[in-house]
Every structure is written in structure tokens, then in C-alpha cells.
PDB file of N, CA and C in Angstrom:
ATOM      1  N   MET A   1     112.914 183.033  77.350  1.00  0.00           N
ATOM      2  CA  MET A   1     114.546 184.278  76.947  1.00  0.00           C
ATOM      3  C   MET A   1     114.995 183.818  75.509  1.00  0.00           C
ATOM      4  N   TYR A   2     115.505 182.730  75.314  1.00  0.00           N
ATOM      5  CA  TYR A   2     116.079 182.141  74.321  1.00  0.00           C
ATOM      6  C   TYR A   2     114.856 182.384  73.329  1.00  0.00           C
ATOM      7  N   HIS A   3     113.638 182.576  73.416  1.00  0.00           N
ATOM      8  CA  HIS A   3     112.793 182.081  72.266  1.00  0.00           C
ATOM      9  C   HIS A   3     111.964 183.434  71.865  1.00  0.00           C
ATOM     10  N   HIS A   4     112.758 184.636  72.360  1.00  0.00           N
ATOM     11  CA  HIS A   4     111.987 186.918  72.193  1.00  0.00           C
ATOM     12  C   HIS A   4     112.818 186.445  70.771  1.00  0.00           C
ATOM     13  N   ARG A   5     111.998 186.827  70.232  1.00  0.00           N
ATOM     14  CA  ARG A   5     112.487 187.956  69.188  1.00  0.00           C
ATOM     15  C   ARG A   5     113.469 188.967  69.317  1.00  0.00           C
ATOM     16  N   VAL A   6     113.514 189.659  69.058  1.00  0.00           N
ATOM     17  CA  VAL A   6     114.904 191.077  69.842  1.00  0.00           C
ATOM     18  C   VAL A   6     115.916 189.871  70.489  1.00  0.00           C
ATOM     19  N   PHE A   7     115.865 189.840  72.195  1.00  0.00           N
ATOM     20  CA  PHE A   7     116.899 189.234  72.366  1.00  0.00           C
ATOM     21  C   PHE A   7     117.625 187.813  72.585  1.00  0.00           C
ATOM     22  N   GLY A   8     116.342 186.606  71.902  1.00  0.00           N
ATOM     23  CA  GLY A   8     116.674 185.516  71.992  1.00  0.00           C
ATOM     24  C   GLY A   8     118.276 184.978  70.961  1.00  0.00           C
ATOM     25  N   PRO A   9     117.905 186.021  70.153  1.00  0.00           N
ATOM     26  CA  PRO A   9     119.374 185.243  69.273  1.00  0.00           C
ATOM     27  C   PRO A   9     120.947 185.966  70.501  1.00  0.00           C
ATOM     28  N   SER A  10     120.839 187.083  70.980  1.00  0.00           N
ATOM     29  CA  SER A  10     121.608 187.365  71.426  1.00  0.00           C
ATOM     30  C   SER A  10     121.692 186.758  72.450  1.00  0.00           C
ATOM     31  N   VAL A  11     121.666 186.626  73.638  1.00  0.00           N
ATOM     32  CA  VAL A  11     121.321 185.758  74.742  1.00  0.00           C
ATOM     33  C   VAL A  11     121.502 183.957  75.218  1.00  0.00           C
ATOM     34  N   LYS A  12     121.697 183.963  73.609  1.00  0.00           N
ATOM     35  CA  LYS A  12     121.804 182.321  73.191  1.00  0.00           C
ATOM     36  C   LYS A  12     123.442 182.310  72.561  1.00  0.00           C
ATOM     37  N   LEU A  13     124.374 182.798  71.857  1.00  0.00           N
ATOM     38  CA  LEU A  13     125.362 183.539  71.358  1.00  0.00           C
ATOM     39  C   LEU A  13     126.378 184.308  72.955  1.00  0.00           C
ATOM     40  N   TRP A  14     125.380 184.555  73.920  1.00  0.00           N
ATOM     41  CA  TRP A  14     126.325 184.692  74.835  1.00  0.00           C
ATOM     42  C   TRP A  14     126.474 183.636  76.002  1.00  0.00           C
ATOM     43  N   GLU A  15     125.549 183.063  76.204  1.00  0.00           N
ATOM     44  CA  GLU A  15     125.301 181.712  76.543  1.00  0.00           C
ATOM     45  C   GLU A  15     126.444 180.530  75.925  1.00  0.00           C
ATOM     46  N   ASP A  16     126.014 180.106  74.646  1.00  0.00           N
ATOM     47  CA  ASP A  16     126.682 179.392  73.657  1.00  0.00           C
ATOM     48  C   ASP A  16     128.247 179.654  74.305  1.00  0.00           C
ATOM     49  N   TYR A  17     129.293 180.932  73.463  1.00  0.00           N
ATOM     50  CA  TYR A  17     129.758 181.512  72.913  1.00  0.00           C
ATOM     51  C   TYR A  17     130.511 182.606  74.174  1.00  0.00           C
ATOM     52  N   ARG A  18     129.798 183.320  74.358  1.00  0.00           N
ATOM     53  CA  ARG A  18     130.875 184.361  75.491  1.00  0.00           C
ATOM     54  C   ARG A  18     130.934 185.782  74.602  1.00  0.00           C
ATOM     55  N   VAL A  19     129.766 185.873  73.007  1.00  0.00           N
ATOM     56  CA  VAL A  19     130.263 186.474  72.698  1.00  0.00           C
ATOM     57  C   VAL A  19     129.205 187.698  72.305  1.00  0.00           C
ATOM     58  N   ILE A  20     129.941 188.930  72.127  1.00  0.00           N
ATOM     59  CA  ILE A  20     128.642 190.123  72.180  1.00  0.00           C
ATOM     60  C   ILE A  20     128.063 190.820  70.792  1.00  0.00           C
ATOM     61  N   PRO A  21     127.574 191.203  70.291  1.00  0.00           N
ATOM     62  CA  PRO A  21     127.183 191.178  68.748  1.00  0.00           C
ATOM     63  C   PRO A  21     127.766 192.737  68.740  1.00  0.00           C
ATOM     64  N   LEU A  22     127.733 192.721  67.621  1.00  0.00           N
ATOM     65  CA  LEU A  22     129.144 194.166  67.172  1.00  0.00           C
ATOM     66  C   LEU A  22     127.647 195.129  67.423  1.00  0.00           C
ATOM     67  N   PRO A  23     126.822 195.812  66.775  1.00  0.00           N
ATOM     68  CA  PRO A  23     125.301 196.075  67.344  1.00  0.00           C
ATOM     69  C   PRO A  23     125.382 196.565  68.934  1.00  0.00           C
ATOM     70  N   ALA A  24     125.265 195.731  69.420  1.00  0.00           N
ATOM     71  CA  ALA A  24     125.479 195.690  71.032  1.00  0.00           C
ATOM     72  C   ALA A  24     126.272 196.460  71.167  1.00  0.00           C
ATOM     73  N   LYS A  25     127.896 195.869  70.869  1.00  0.00           N
ATOM     74  CA  LYS A  25     128.990 197.108  71.424  1.00  0.00           C
ATOM     75  C   LYS A  25     128.314 198.498  71.603  1.00  0.00           C
ATOM     76  N   ILE A  26     127.905 198.339  70.183  1.00  0.00           N
ATOM     77  CA  ILE A  26     127.678 199.978  70.066  1.00  0.00           C
ATOM     78  C   ILE A  26     127.252 200.831  70.701  1.00  0.00           C
ATOM     79  N   ALA A  27     125.953 200.079  70.500  1.00  0.00           N
ATOM     80  CA  ALA A  27     125.047 201.084  71.402  1.00  0.00           C
ATOM     81  C   ALA A  27     125.636 201.033  73.392  1.00  0.00           C
ATOM     82  N   ALA A  28     125.835 200.026  73.540  1.00  0.00           N
ATOM     83  CA  ALA A  28     126.579 199.610  74.994  1.00  0.00           C
ATOM     84  C   ALA A  28     127.125 200.845  75.241  1.00  0.00           C
ATOM     85  N   VAL A  29     128.236 200.641  74.864  1.00  0.00           N
ATOM     86  CA  VAL A  29     129.051 202.328  74.489  1.00  0.00           C
ATOM     87  C   VAL A  29     128.829 203.620  73.617  1.00  0.00           C
ATOM     88  N   SER A  30     128.154 203.189  73.525  1.00  0.00           N
ATOM     89  CA  SER A  30     127.767 204.730  72.666  1.00  0.00           C
ATOM     90  C   SER A  30     126.675 205.368  74.120  1.00  0.00           C
ATOM     91  N   LEU A  31     125.819 204.510  74.535  1.00  0.00           N
ATOM     92  CA  LEU A  31     125.173 205.007  75.062  1.00  0.00           C
ATOM     93  C   LEU A  31     125.799 205.040  76.465  1.00  0.00           C
ATOM     94  N   MET A  32     127.001 204.932  77.399  1.00  0.00           N
ATOM     95  CA  MET A  32     127.809 205.586  78.017  1.00  0.00           C
ATOM     96  C   MET A  32     128.333 206.131  78.150  1.00  0.00           C
ATOM     97  N   ILE A  33     129.153 206.804  76.740  1.00  0.00           N
ATOM     98  CA  ILE A  33     129.947 207.883  76.482  1.00  0.00           C
ATOM     99  C   ILE A  33     128.796 209.468  76.830  1.00  0.00           C
ATOM    100  N   ILE A  34     126.773 208.667  75.790  1.00  0.00           N
ATOM    101  CA  ILE A  34     126.007 210.015  76.272  1.00  0.00           C
ATOM    102  C   ILE A  34     125.703 210.312  77.698  1.00  0.00           C
ATOM    103  N   SER A  35     125.662 208.767  78.273  1.00  0.00           N
ATOM    104  CA  SER A  35     125.428 209.476  79.657  1.00  0.00           C
ATOM    105  C   SER A  35     126.382 209.661  81.006  1.00  0.00           C
ATOM    106  N   MET A  36     128.068 209.667  79.975  1.00  0.00           N
ATOM    107  CA  MET A  36     128.540 210.295  81.090  1.00  0.00           C
ATOM    108  C   MET A  36     128.822 211.249  80.476  1.00  0.00           C
ATOM    109  N   SER A  37     129.033 212.516  79.272  1.00  0.00           N
ATOM    110  CA  SER A  37     128.351 213.130  79.339  1.00  0.00           C
ATOM    111  C   SER A  37     127.617 213.790  79.511  1.00  0.00           C
ATOM    112  N   VAL A  38     126.440 213.634  79.294  1.00  0.00           N
ATOM    113  CA  VAL A  38     125.040 214.726  80.159  1.00  0.00           C
ATOM    114  C   VAL A  38     125.076 214.042  82.023  1.00  0.00           C
ATOM    115  N   LEU A  39     125.904 213.686  82.196  1.00  0.00           N
ATOM    116  CA  LEU A  39     126.429 213.919  84.164  1.00  0.00           C
ATOM    117  C   LEU A  39     127.228 214.564  83.934  1.00  0.00           C
ATOM    118  N   VAL A  40     128.616 215.109  83.454  1.00  0.00           N
ATOM    119  CA  VAL A  40     129.483 215.841  83.719  1.00  0.00           C
ATOM    120  C   VAL A  40     128.666 217.214  83.193  1.00  0.00           C
ATOM    121  N   VAL A  41     128.528 217.002  82.445  1.00  0.00           N
ATOM    122  CA  VAL A  41     127.459 218.636  81.555  1.00  0.00           C
ATOM    123  C   VAL A  41     125.758 219.232  82.961  1.00  0.00           C
ATOM    124  N   PHE A  42     125.593 218.889  83.110  1.00  0.00           N
ATOM    125  CA  PHE A  42     124.076 218.738  84.186  1.00  0.00           C
ATOM    126  C   PHE A  42     124.056 218.546  85.036  1.00  0.00           C
ATOM    127  N   SER A  43     124.712 218.229  86.344  1.00  0.00           N
ATOM    128  CA  SER A  43     125.081 217.568  86.857  1.00  0.00           C
ATOM    129  C   SER A  43     125.726 218.442  88.186  1.00  0.00           C
ATOM    130  N   ASN A  44     125.192 218.538  89.347  1.00  0.00           N
ATOM    131  CA  ASN A  44     126.154 219.450  90.481  1.00  0.00           C
ATOM    132  C   ASN A  44     126.617 218.394  91.465  1.00  0.00           C
ATOM    133  N   LEU A  45     126.789 217.022  90.432  1.00  0.00           N
ATOM    134  CA  LEU A  45     127.921 215.741  91.618  1.00  0.00           C
ATOM    135  C   LEU A  45     129.490 216.699  92.118  1.00  0.00           C
ATOM    136  N   GLU A  46     129.578 216.311  93.111  1.00  0.00           N
ATOM    137  CA  GLU A  46     131.337 215.200  93.602  1.00  0.00           C
ATOM    138  C   GLU A  46     131.916 215.253  92.150  1.00  0.00           C
ATOM    139  N   ASN A  47     132.914 216.186  92.064  1.00  0.00           N
ATOM    140  CA  ASN A  47     132.998 215.521  91.030  1.00  0.00           C
ATOM    141  C   ASN A  47     134.289 214.093  91.515  1.00  0.00           C
ATOM    142  N   TRP A  48     134.372 214.122  92.339  1.00  0.00           N
ATOM    143  CA  TRP A  48     135.162 212.433  93.023  1.00  0.00           C
ATOM    144  C   TRP A  48     133.738 211.690  92.240  1.00  0.00           C
ATOM    145  N   ILE A  49     132.475 212.480  93.071  1.00  0.00           N
ATOM    146  CA  ILE A  49     131.701 211.060  92.235  1.00  0.00           C
ATOM    147  C   ILE A  49     131.141 211.190  90.468  1.00  0.00           C
ATOM    148  N   LYS A  50     132.238 212.054  89.350  1.00  0.00           N
ATOM    149  CA  LYS A  50     132.048 211.556  88.658  1.00  0.00           C
ATOM    150  C   LYS A  50     132.828 211.194  87.901  1.00  0.00           C
ATOM    151  N   VAL A  51     133.824 211.205  88.474  1.00  0.00           N
ATOM    152  CA  VAL A  51     135.765 210.626  88.237  1.00  0.00           C
ATOM    153  C   VAL A  51     135.160 208.841  88.645  1.00  0.00           C
ATOM    154  N   MET A  52     134.755 208.738  89.596  1.00  0.00           N
ATOM    155  CA  MET A  52     134.455 206.623  90.006  1.00  0.00           C
ATOM    156  C   MET A  52     133.273 207.270  88.907  1.00  0.00           C
ATOM    157  N   THR A  53     131.992 207.639  88.382  1.00  0.00           N
ATOM    158  CA  THR A  53     131.187 207.146  87.484  1.00  0.00           C
ATOM    159  C   THR A  53     132.272 206.937  86.154  1.00  0.00           C
ATOM    160  N   ALA A  54     132.936 207.551  85.661  1.00  0.00           N
ATOM    161  CA  ALA A  54     133.876 207.301  84.511  1.00  0.00           C
ATOM    162  C   ALA A  54     134.293 206.045  84.933  1.00  0.00           C
ATOM    163  N   VAL A  55     135.434 205.988  85.879  1.00  0.00           N
ATOM    164  CA  VAL A  55     136.450 205.044  86.210  1.00  0.00           C
ATOM    165  C   VAL A  55     135.286 203.343  85.679  1.00  0.00           C
ATOM    166  N   PHE A  56     133.866 203.464  86.345  1.00  0.00           N
ATOM    167  CA  PHE A  56     133.372 202.384  86.123  1.00  0.00           C
ATOM    168  C   PHE A  56     132.869 202.373  85.117  1.00  0.00           C
ATOM    169  N   MET A  57     132.302 203.168  83.776  1.00  0.00           N
ATOM    170  CA  MET A  57     131.967 202.947  83.000  1.00  0.00           C
ATOM    171  C   MET A  57     133.330 202.479  81.494  1.00  0.00           C
ATOM    172  N   LEU A  58     134.001 203.446  82.181  1.00  0.00           N
ATOM    173  CA  LEU A  58     135.366 202.745  81.130  1.00  0.00           C
ATOM    174  C   LEU A  58     136.229 201.102  81.589  1.00  0.00           C
ATOM    175  N   SER A  59     135.510 200.532  82.703  1.00  0.00           N
ATOM    176  CA  SER A  59     136.185 199.613  82.934  1.00  0.00           C
ATOM    177  C   SER A  59     134.645 198.753  82.594  1.00  0.00           C
ATOM    178  N   ALA A  60     133.638 199.010  82.505  1.00  0.00           N
ATOM    179  CA  ALA A  60     132.833 198.135  81.217  1.00  0.00           C
ATOM    180  C   ALA A  60     132.717 198.202  79.970  1.00  0.00           C
ATOM    181  N   ALA A  61     133.573 199.429  79.833  1.00  0.00           N
ATOM    182  CA  ALA A  61     133.396 199.236  78.352  1.00  0.00           C
ATOM    183  C   ALA A  61     134.450 198.161  77.412  1.00  0.00           C
ATOM    184  N   VAL A  62     136.150 198.694  78.058  1.00  0.00           N
ATOM    185  CA  VAL A  62     136.821 197.753  78.367  1.00  0.00           C
ATOM    186  C   VAL A  62     136.461 196.105  77.881  1.00  0.00           C
ATOM    187  N   TYR A  63     135.725 196.296  79.342  1.00  0.00           N
ATOM    188  CA  TYR A  63     135.001 194.748  79.224  1.00  0.00           C
ATOM    189  C   TYR A  63     134.016 193.727  78.062  1.00  0.00           C
ATOM    190  N   ILE A  64     133.186 195.168  77.288  1.00  0.00           N
ATOM    191  CA  ILE A  64     132.137 194.581  75.867  1.00  0.00           C
ATOM    192  C   ILE A  64     133.224 194.785  74.619  1.00  0.00           C
ATOM    193  N   LEU A  65     134.024 195.110  74.771  1.00  0.00           N
ATOM    194  CA  LEU A  65     134.937 195.568  74.495  1.00  0.00           C
ATOM    195  C   LEU A  65     136.452 194.425  73.650  1.00  0.00           C
ATOM    196  N   GLY A  66     136.267 193.811  75.083  1.00  0.00           N
ATOM    197  CA  GLY A  66     137.255 192.669  74.565  1.00  0.00           C
ATOM    198  C   GLY A  66     136.297 190.974  75.005  1.00  0.00           C
ATOM    199  N   LYS A  67     135.135 190.711  74.607  1.00  0.00           N
ATOM    200  CA  LYS A  67     134.433 189.696  74.175  1.00  0.00           C
ATOM    201  C   LYS A  67     134.045 189.891  72.467  1.00  0.00           C
ATOM    202  N   PRO A  68     134.680 188.261  71.798  1.00  0.00           N
ATOM    203  CA  PRO A  68     134.231 188.817  70.929  1.00  0.00           C
ATOM    204  C   PRO A  68     132.721 189.582  70.100  1.00  0.00           C
ATOM    205  N   SER A  69     132.869 189.406  68.934  1.00  0.00           N
ATOM    206  CA  SER A  69     131.971 189.865  68.318  1.00  0.00           C
ATOM    207  C   SER A  69     130.977 188.611  67.374  1.00  0.00           C
ATOM    208  N   ARG A  70     131.391 187.721  67.241  1.00  0.00           N
ATOM    209  CA  ARG A  70     131.014 185.925  66.010  1.00  0.00           C
ATOM    210  C   ARG A  70     131.223 185.878  67.655  1.00  0.00           C
ATOM    211  N   PRO A  71     130.948 184.399  67.167  1.00  0.00           N
ATOM    212  CA  PRO A  71     130.358 182.755  67.040  1.00  0.00           C
ATOM    213  C   PRO A  71     132.092 182.259  66.586  1.00  0.00           C
ATOM    214  N   PRO A  72     133.079 181.535  67.070  1.00  0.00           N
ATOM    215  CA  PRO A  72     134.124 180.741  66.855  1.00  0.00           C
ATOM    216  C   PRO A  72     133.663 180.046  65.438  1.00  0.00           C
ATOM    217  N   GLU A  73     134.129 179.802  64.375  1.00  0.00           N
ATOM    218  CA  GLU A  73     133.691 179.334  62.928  1.00  0.00           C
ATOM    219  C   GLU A  73     133.384 177.737  63.437  1.00  0.00           C
TER     220      GLU A  73
END
């Protein structure tokens, strides 16, 4: 995975410094927002399932946003 053209640099940053690059953070949180919006608008699931999904996604977003975006100097 380290030598993959697209994912290699991000994997190496994660392994070495626990860094999530800013573009990856933006993509992850944006896709969570889109997914949650689609779930709320188009699904017939019970509300408690929607709430639990929102709590899980919010927890994941807080974790992702809490990690540094650049390695230490």
C-alpha cells in the first residue's frame, strides 16, 4: 500500500504521524453530510435509527477533524 500512486503518501503520513491530509478530511466529512442527508430525506427507517446513524457519523467527523492535517516540522 505504501507504494500505491494515489493512497501511498496518505497511508505513510498516517502510519508515521497520525496525520489526515486536509483534502481527505474535506472529502470524508462532505460524504458523511451527503449520506446523512440522503438517509433522512429518502429512507423509511425509523427515527431512532436515523439518530443513531447521525451520532455515529458525528463521532467519526469529530475524530477525523481532531487529527492534524500536516506532519510536524
